C-alpha atoms as a PDB file:
ATOM      1  CA  VAL A   1      14.399  -8.068 -17.714  1.00  0.00           C
ATOM      2  CA  ALA A   2      11.965  -8.077 -14.811  1.00  0.00           C
ATOM      3  CA  ALA A   3      10.012 -11.240 -14.184  1.00  0.00           C
ATOM      4  CA  PRO A   4       6.246 -10.960 -14.676  1.00  0.00           C
ATOM      5  CA  THR A   5       4.259 -10.688 -11.493  1.00  0.00           C
ATOM      6  CA  ASP A   6       0.676 -11.471 -10.584  1.00  0.00           C
ATOM      7  CA  GLU A   7       0.575  -8.544  -8.153  1.00  0.00           C
ATOM      8  CA  PRO A   8      -1.859  -5.839  -9.260  1.00  0.00           C
ATOM      9  CA  LYS A   9      -0.323  -2.418  -9.867  1.00  0.00           C
ATOM     10  CA  THR A  10      -3.073  -0.679  -7.891  1.00  0.00           C
ATOM     11  CA  HIS A  11      -5.490  -1.662  -5.160  1.00  0.00           C
ATOM     12  CA  THR A  12      -8.906  -0.715  -3.812  1.00  0.00           C
ATOM     13  CA  LEU A  13      -9.310   0.444  -0.213  1.00  0.00           C
ATOM     14  CA  THR A  14     -12.743  -0.164   1.305  1.00  0.00           C
ATOM     15  CA  VAL A  15     -13.823   1.491   4.561  1.00  0.00           C
ATOM     16  CA  ARG A  16     -17.093   0.831   6.398  1.00  0.00           C
ATOM     17  CA  PHE A  17     -18.378   3.530   8.746  1.00  0.00           C
ATOM     18  CA  ASP A  18     -20.253   1.994  11.695  1.00  0.00           C
ATOM     19  CA  ASN A  19     -22.261   3.700  14.419  1.00  0.00           C
ATOM     20  CA  VAL A  20     -23.002   6.909  12.535  1.00  0.00           C
ATOM     21  CA  GLN A  21     -25.617   8.336  14.896  1.00  0.00           C
ATOM     22  CA  GLN A  22     -26.860  11.297  12.849  1.00  0.00           C
ATOM     23  CA  ARG A  23     -28.148   9.996   9.536  1.00  0.00           C
ATOM     24  CA  SER A  24     -27.793  13.250   7.620  1.00  0.00           C
ATOM     25  CA  GLY A  25     -25.148  15.544   6.191  1.00  0.00           C
ATOM     26  CA  THR A  26     -21.904  14.416   4.602  1.00  0.00           C
ATOM     27  CA  LEU A  27     -18.868  12.430   5.652  1.00  0.00           C
ATOM     28  CA  ASN A  28     -15.658  14.145   4.627  1.00  0.00           C
ATOM     29  CA  VAL A  29     -12.836  11.636   4.292  1.00  0.00           C
ATOM     30  CA  ALA A  30      -9.122  12.335   3.822  1.00  0.00           C
ATOM     31  CA  ILE A  31      -6.699   9.581   2.835  1.00  0.00           C
ATOM     32  CA  TYR A  32      -3.039   9.998   3.701  1.00  0.00           C
ATOM     33  CA  ASN A  33      -0.190   7.903   2.321  1.00  0.00           C
ATOM     34  CA  ASP A  34       2.693   8.850   4.616  1.00  0.00           C
ATOM     35  CA  ASP A  35       3.212  10.017   8.190  1.00  0.00           C
ATOM     36  CA  PRO A  36       4.355  13.594   7.452  1.00  0.00           C
ATOM     37  CA  ALA A  37       1.246  14.140   5.314  1.00  0.00           C
ATOM     38  CA  LEU A  38      -1.006  13.617   8.335  1.00  0.00           C
ATOM     39  CA  ASN A  39      -0.319  17.233   9.256  1.00  0.00           C
ATOM     40  CA  GLY A  40      -0.577  18.513   5.696  1.00  0.00           C
ATOM     41  CA  ALA A  41      -2.357  17.839   2.461  1.00  0.00           C
ATOM     42  CA  ALA A  42      -4.284  14.623   1.971  1.00  0.00           C
ATOM     43  CA  PHE A  43      -3.353  12.187  -0.797  1.00  0.00           C
ATOM     44  CA  ARG A  44      -7.060  11.983  -1.731  1.00  0.00           C
ATOM     45  CA  LYS A  45     -10.271  13.536  -0.429  1.00  0.00           C
ATOM     46  CA  VAL A  46     -13.779  12.139  -0.756  1.00  0.00           C
ATOM     47  CA  ARG A  47     -17.224  13.402   0.320  1.00  0.00           C
ATOM     48  CA  LEU A  48     -20.061  10.962   0.963  1.00  0.00           C
ATOM     49  CA  THR A  49     -23.702  11.851   1.444  1.00  0.00           C
ATOM     50  CA  VAL A  50     -24.905  10.076   4.591  1.00  0.00           C
ATOM     51  CA  PRO A  51     -27.911   7.900   3.704  1.00  0.00           C
ATOM     52  CA  ALA A  52     -30.994   7.846   5.943  1.00  0.00           C
ATOM     53  CA  THR A  53     -30.580   4.098   6.477  1.00  0.00           C
ATOM     54  CA  GLY A  54     -28.239   1.277   5.544  1.00  0.00           C
ATOM     55  CA  GLU A  55     -24.538   0.691   5.523  1.00  0.00           C
ATOM     56  CA  ILE A  56     -22.094   3.508   4.790  1.00  0.00           C
ATOM     57  CA  THR A  57     -19.177   2.221   2.747  1.00  0.00           C
ATOM     58  CA  LEU A  58     -16.434   4.012   0.843  1.00  0.00           C
ATOM     59  CA  SER A  59     -14.347   2.290  -1.831  1.00  0.00           C
ATOM     60  CA  VAL A  60     -11.341   4.095  -3.269  1.00  0.00           C
ATOM     61  CA  ALA A  61      -9.794   2.466  -6.334  1.00  0.00           C
ATOM     62  CA  ASP A  62      -6.433   2.837  -8.057  1.00  0.00           C
ATOM     63  CA  LEU A  63      -4.278   3.209  -4.941  1.00  0.00           C
ATOM     64  CA  PRO A  64      -0.645   2.142  -5.230  1.00  0.00           C
ATOM     65  CA  ALA A  65       0.501  -0.518  -2.764  1.00  0.00           C
ATOM     66  CA  GLY A  66       1.406   0.987   0.596  1.00  0.00           C
ATOM     67  CA  ARG A  67       0.164   2.029   4.013  1.00  0.00           C
ATOM     68  CA  TYR A  68      -2.645   4.538   4.400  1.00  0.00           C
ATOM     69  CA  ALA A  69      -4.301   6.487   7.197  1.00  0.00           C
ATOM     70  CA  ILE A  70      -7.871   7.764   7.146  1.00  0.00           C
ATOM     71  CA  ARG A  71      -9.329  10.860   8.816  1.00  0.00           C
ATOM     72  CA  SER A  72     -13.018  11.603   8.653  1.00  0.00           C
ATOM     73  CA  TYR A  73     -15.612  13.928  10.087  1.00  0.00           C
ATOM     74  CA  GLN A  74     -19.330  14.371   9.623  1.00  0.00           C
ATOM     75  CA  ASP A  75     -20.613  17.757   8.473  1.00  0.00           C
ATOM     76  CA  LEU A  76     -24.210  17.995   9.708  1.00  0.00           C
ATOM     77  CA  ASN A  77     -25.024  21.548   8.641  1.00  0.00           C
ATOM     78  CA  GLY A  78     -23.223  21.896   5.308  1.00  0.00           C
ATOM     79  CA  ASN A  79     -20.756  24.547   6.408  1.00  0.00           C
ATOM     80  CA  PHE A  80     -17.613  22.696   5.215  1.00  0.00           C
END
């Protein structure tokens, strides 16, 4: 019988995007959960509308414990 643990089963990853110069368009974010995936399919994908002012923060809930990599780009003209 496994001993009970206080560790949560999932976690929330929060990313703050600083120095976004163009305050328009969308930020396309890909989250990868292993090294080989960096050249393939993302574990999760998220699109954020870039606000005219204020902080740009992304929170992704329900992630299993582990290491993650983030790739992002800003789409200014809506072609992606």
